[in-house]
Amino acid sequence: MNGKKCILVCVTVQQGCVELIRRGQDLALKNGADMHVLHVSDNKSLLSRPDSAAILDTLFSLAREAEAEMSILYERDVAGAIARHARELGADTLILGPDRTGLTARVRAQLPEETELISVSNP
């Protein structure tokens, strides 16, 4: 960790996540922060949907344009993987999409209190 602010944008394989990356990029530029993009899949059938490869390619391209590294992790414990990756990066802000499963609360419970979680309801 270099003392510079770090934003972690958590994405799923959905076209709406393009907006999450754009919001992360805006925030990173405003704050002079580094930005990373993360997708956690709880199974290896990531590309089971016909449009998954195209969406992933779009997300990787946007991350690259934003000068952000994008990672994909395969783990059953999605919240744990997000929290661990955030700690490893020293992320002080996480951007997540709509939460219908309680993921945000599970991630929050595993991070330092001062970590900001931004939940974007309509990416």
C-alpha atoms as a PDB file:
ATOM      1  CA  MET A   1       0.000   0.000   0.000  1.00  0.00           C
ATOM      2  CA  ASN A   2       1.476   3.328  -1.058  1.00  0.00           C
ATOM      3  CA  GLY A   3      -0.752   5.754   0.858  1.00  0.00           C
ATOM      4  CA  LYS A   4      -2.647   6.639  -2.328  1.00  0.00           C
ATOM      5  CA  LYS A   5      -6.409   6.187  -2.236  1.00  0.00           C
ATOM      6  CA  CYS A   6      -7.692   3.023  -3.877  1.00  0.00           C
ATOM      7  CA  ILE A   7     -11.132   2.278  -5.299  1.00  0.00           C
ATOM      8  CA  LEU A   8     -12.327  -1.280  -5.923  1.00  0.00           C
ATOM      9  CA  VAL A   9     -15.220  -1.620  -8.367  1.00  0.00           C
ATOM     10  CA  CYS A  10     -17.029  -4.957  -8.015  1.00  0.00           C
ATOM     11  CA  VAL A  11     -18.778  -6.130 -11.169  1.00  0.00           C
ATOM     12  CA  THR A  12     -20.928  -8.988 -12.344  1.00  0.00           C
ATOM     13  CA  VAL A  13     -21.211 -10.188 -15.932  1.00  0.00           C
ATOM     14  CA  GLN A  14     -24.000  -7.779 -16.826  1.00  0.00           C
ATOM     15  CA  GLN A  15     -24.019  -4.878 -19.258  1.00  0.00           C
ATOM     16  CA  GLY A  16     -25.185  -2.527 -16.462  1.00  0.00           C
ATOM     17  CA  CYS A  17     -21.774  -2.869 -14.799  1.00  0.00           C
ATOM     18  CA  VAL A  18     -20.353  -0.560 -17.453  1.00  0.00           C
ATOM     19  CA  GLU A  19     -21.851   2.277 -15.389  1.00  0.00           C
ATOM     20  CA  LEU A  20     -20.147   1.011 -12.211  1.00  0.00           C
ATOM     21  CA  ILE A  21     -16.747   1.231 -13.908  1.00  0.00           C
ATOM     22  CA  ARG A  22     -17.535   4.718 -15.218  1.00  0.00           C
ATOM     23  CA  ARG A  23     -18.557   5.892 -11.747  1.00  0.00           C
ATOM     24  CA  GLY A  24     -15.408   4.376 -10.283  1.00  0.00           C
ATOM     25  CA  GLN A  25     -13.310   6.122 -12.916  1.00  0.00           C
ATOM     26  CA  ASP A  26     -14.971   9.487 -12.185  1.00  0.00           C
ATOM     27  CA  LEU A  27     -14.371   9.053  -8.457  1.00  0.00           C
ATOM     28  CA  ALA A  28     -10.767   7.943  -9.016  1.00  0.00           C
ATOM     29  CA  LEU A  29     -10.052  10.975 -11.191  1.00  0.00           C
ATOM     30  CA  LYS A  30     -11.644  13.372  -8.677  1.00  0.00           C
ATOM     31  CA  ASN A  31      -9.669  11.901  -5.783  1.00  0.00           C
ATOM     32  CA  GLY A  32      -6.397  11.031  -7.509  1.00  0.00           C
ATOM     33  CA  ALA A  33      -7.024   7.396  -6.586  1.00  0.00           C
ATOM     34  CA  ASP A  34      -5.976   4.105  -8.121  1.00  0.00           C
ATOM     35  CA  MET A  35      -8.839   1.969  -9.387  1.00  0.00           C
ATOM     36  CA  HIS A  36      -9.186  -1.804  -9.627  1.00  0.00           C
ATOM     37  CA  VAL A  37     -12.067  -3.838 -11.034  1.00  0.00           C
ATOM     38  CA  LEU A  38     -13.037  -7.235  -9.623  1.00  0.00           C
ATOM     39  CA  HIS A  39     -15.432  -9.972 -10.636  1.00  0.00           C
ATOM     40  CA  VAL A  40     -15.910 -12.937  -8.310  1.00  0.00           C
ATOM     41  CA  SER A  41     -17.580 -16.016  -9.746  1.00  0.00           C
ATOM     42  CA  ASP A  42     -18.792 -18.734  -7.427  1.00  0.00           C
ATOM     43  CA  ASN A  43     -18.514 -21.340 -10.175  1.00  0.00           C
ATOM     44  CA  LYS A  44     -16.398 -22.029 -13.216  1.00  0.00           C
ATOM     45  CA  SER A  45     -19.306 -21.698 -15.665  1.00  0.00           C
ATOM     46  CA  LEU A  46     -18.651 -17.981 -16.024  1.00  0.00           C
ATOM     47  CA  LEU A  47     -19.163 -18.088 -19.764  1.00  0.00           C
ATOM     48  CA  SER A  48     -22.298 -20.236 -19.723  1.00  0.00           C
ATOM     49  CA  ARG A  49     -24.488 -17.424 -21.071  1.00  0.00           C
ATOM     50  CA  PRO A  50     -24.059 -16.650 -24.765  1.00  0.00           C
ATOM     51  CA  ASP A  51     -23.413 -12.940 -24.150  1.00  0.00           C
ATOM     52  CA  SER A  52     -20.989 -13.398 -21.214  1.00  0.00           C
ATOM     53  CA  ALA A  53     -17.812 -13.282 -23.296  1.00  0.00           C
ATOM     54  CA  ALA A  54     -18.883 -10.078 -25.045  1.00  0.00           C
ATOM     55  CA  ILE A  55     -19.831  -8.398 -21.757  1.00  0.00           C
ATOM     56  CA  LEU A  56     -16.569  -9.454 -20.098  1.00  0.00           C
ATOM     57  CA  ASP A  57     -14.645  -8.116 -23.085  1.00  0.00           C
ATOM     58  CA  THR A  58     -16.469  -4.772 -22.733  1.00  0.00           C
ATOM     59  CA  LEU A  59     -15.733  -4.620 -18.992  1.00  0.00           C
ATOM     60  CA  PHE A  60     -12.047  -5.471 -19.525  1.00  0.00           C
ATOM     61  CA  SER A  61     -11.808  -2.797 -22.258  1.00  0.00           C
ATOM     62  CA  LEU A  62     -13.389  -0.154 -20.021  1.00  0.00           C
ATOM     63  CA  ALA A  63     -11.091  -1.081 -17.148  1.00  0.00           C
ATOM     64  CA  ARG A  64      -8.081  -0.816 -19.449  1.00  0.00           C
ATOM     65  CA  GLU A  65      -9.264   2.594 -20.737  1.00  0.00           C
ATOM     66  CA  ALA A  66      -9.593   3.723 -17.104  1.00  0.00           C
ATOM     67  CA  GLU A  67      -6.035   2.476 -16.459  1.00  0.00           C
ATOM     68  CA  ALA A  68      -7.446  -0.038 -13.979  1.00  0.00           C
ATOM     69  CA  GLU A  69      -6.465  -3.650 -13.500  1.00  0.00           C
ATOM     70  CA  MET A  70      -9.352  -6.121 -13.734  1.00  0.00           C
ATOM     71  CA  SER A  71      -9.244  -9.449 -11.909  1.00  0.00           C
ATOM     72  CA  ILE A  72     -11.507 -12.475 -11.915  1.00  0.00           C
ATOM     73  CA  LEU A  73     -11.562 -14.774  -8.893  1.00  0.00           C
ATOM     74  CA  TYR A  74     -13.326 -18.122  -8.646  1.00  0.00           C
ATOM     75  CA  GLU A  75     -14.530 -18.646  -5.085  1.00  0.00           C
ATOM     76  CA  ARG A  76     -17.658 -19.907  -3.368  1.00  0.00           C
ATOM     77  CA  ASP A  77     -17.504 -17.184  -0.710  1.00  0.00           C
ATOM     78  CA  VAL A  78     -18.035 -14.122  -2.894  1.00  0.00           C
ATOM     79  CA  ALA A  79     -18.226 -11.645   0.015  1.00  0.00           C
ATOM     80  CA  GLY A  80     -15.089 -13.089   1.609  1.00  0.00           C
ATOM     81  CA  ALA A  81     -13.191 -12.898  -1.690  1.00  0.00           C
ATOM     82  CA  ILE A  82     -14.222  -9.267  -2.229  1.00  0.00           C
ATOM     83  CA  ALA A  83     -13.227  -8.296   1.321  1.00  0.00           C
ATOM     84  CA  ARG A  84      -9.888 -10.117   1.092  1.00  0.00           C
ATOM     85  CA  HIS A  85      -9.059  -8.538  -2.268  1.00  0.00           C
ATOM     86  CA  ALA A  86     -10.018  -5.098  -0.922  1.00  0.00           C
ATOM     87  CA  ARG A  87      -7.722  -5.573   2.090  1.00  0.00           C
ATOM     88  CA  GLU A  88      -4.856  -6.800  -0.120  1.00  0.00           C
ATOM     89  CA  LEU A  89      -5.196  -3.708  -2.315  1.00  0.00           C
ATOM     90  CA  GLY A  90      -5.644  -1.359   0.623  1.00  0.00           C
ATOM     91  CA  ALA A  91      -8.915  -0.193  -0.936  1.00  0.00           C
ATOM     92  CA  ASP A  92     -10.637   2.523   1.038  1.00  0.00           C
ATOM     93  CA  THR A  93     -13.707   2.693  -1.229  1.00  0.00           C
ATOM     94  CA  LEU A  94     -15.725  -0.137  -2.789  1.00  0.00           C
ATOM     95  CA  ILE A  95     -18.351   0.363  -5.462  1.00  0.00           C
ATOM     96  CA  LEU A  96     -20.969  -2.375  -5.784  1.00  0.00           C
ATOM     97  CA  GLY A  97     -24.123  -2.749  -7.850  1.00  0.00           C
ATOM     98  CA  PRO A  98     -27.660  -3.392  -6.640  1.00  0.00           C
ATOM     99  CA  ASP A  99     -27.787  -5.720  -3.640  1.00  0.00           C
ATOM    100  CA  ARG A 100     -30.612  -8.236  -3.619  1.00  0.00           C
ATOM    101  CA  THR A 101     -28.814 -10.916  -1.616  1.00  0.00           C
ATOM    102  CA  GLY A 102     -27.282  -9.134   1.388  1.00  0.00           C
ATOM    103  CA  LEU A 103     -23.816  -9.167  -0.187  1.00  0.00           C
ATOM    104  CA  THR A 104     -23.017  -5.586   0.840  1.00  0.00           C
ATOM    105  CA  ALA A 105     -23.660  -6.329   4.523  1.00  0.00           C
ATOM    106  CA  ARG A 106     -21.525  -9.489   4.346  1.00  0.00           C
ATOM    107  CA  VAL A 107     -18.664  -7.562   2.741  1.00  0.00           C
ATOM    108  CA  ARG A 108     -19.066  -4.671   5.218  1.00  0.00           C
ATOM    109  CA  ALA A 109     -18.749  -7.071   8.175  1.00  0.00           C
ATOM    110  CA  GLN A 110     -15.303  -8.159   6.948  1.00  0.00           C
ATOM    111  CA  LEU A 111     -13.765  -4.746   6.277  1.00  0.00           C
ATOM    112  CA  PRO A 112     -12.413  -1.965   8.476  1.00  0.00           C
ATOM    113  CA  GLU A 113     -15.104   0.441   9.642  1.00  0.00           C
ATOM    114  CA  GLU A 114     -13.556   3.363   7.750  1.00  0.00           C
ATOM    115  CA  THR A 115     -13.902   1.605   4.375  1.00  0.00           C
ATOM    116  CA  GLU A 116     -16.561   3.370   2.324  1.00  0.00           C
ATOM    117  CA  LEU A 117     -19.062   1.150   0.504  1.00  0.00           C
ATOM    118  CA  ILE A 118     -21.006   2.771  -2.304  1.00  0.00           C
ATOM    119  CA  SER A 119     -23.982   0.758  -3.507  1.00  0.00           C
ATOM    120  CA  VAL A 120     -25.194   1.910  -6.894  1.00  0.00           C
ATOM    121  CA  SER A 121     -28.852   1.000  -7.147  1.00  0.00           C
ATOM    122  CA  ASN A 122     -29.308   1.598 -10.874  1.00  0.00           C
ATOM    123  CA  PRO A 123     -26.085   0.985 -12.758  1.00  0.00           C
END
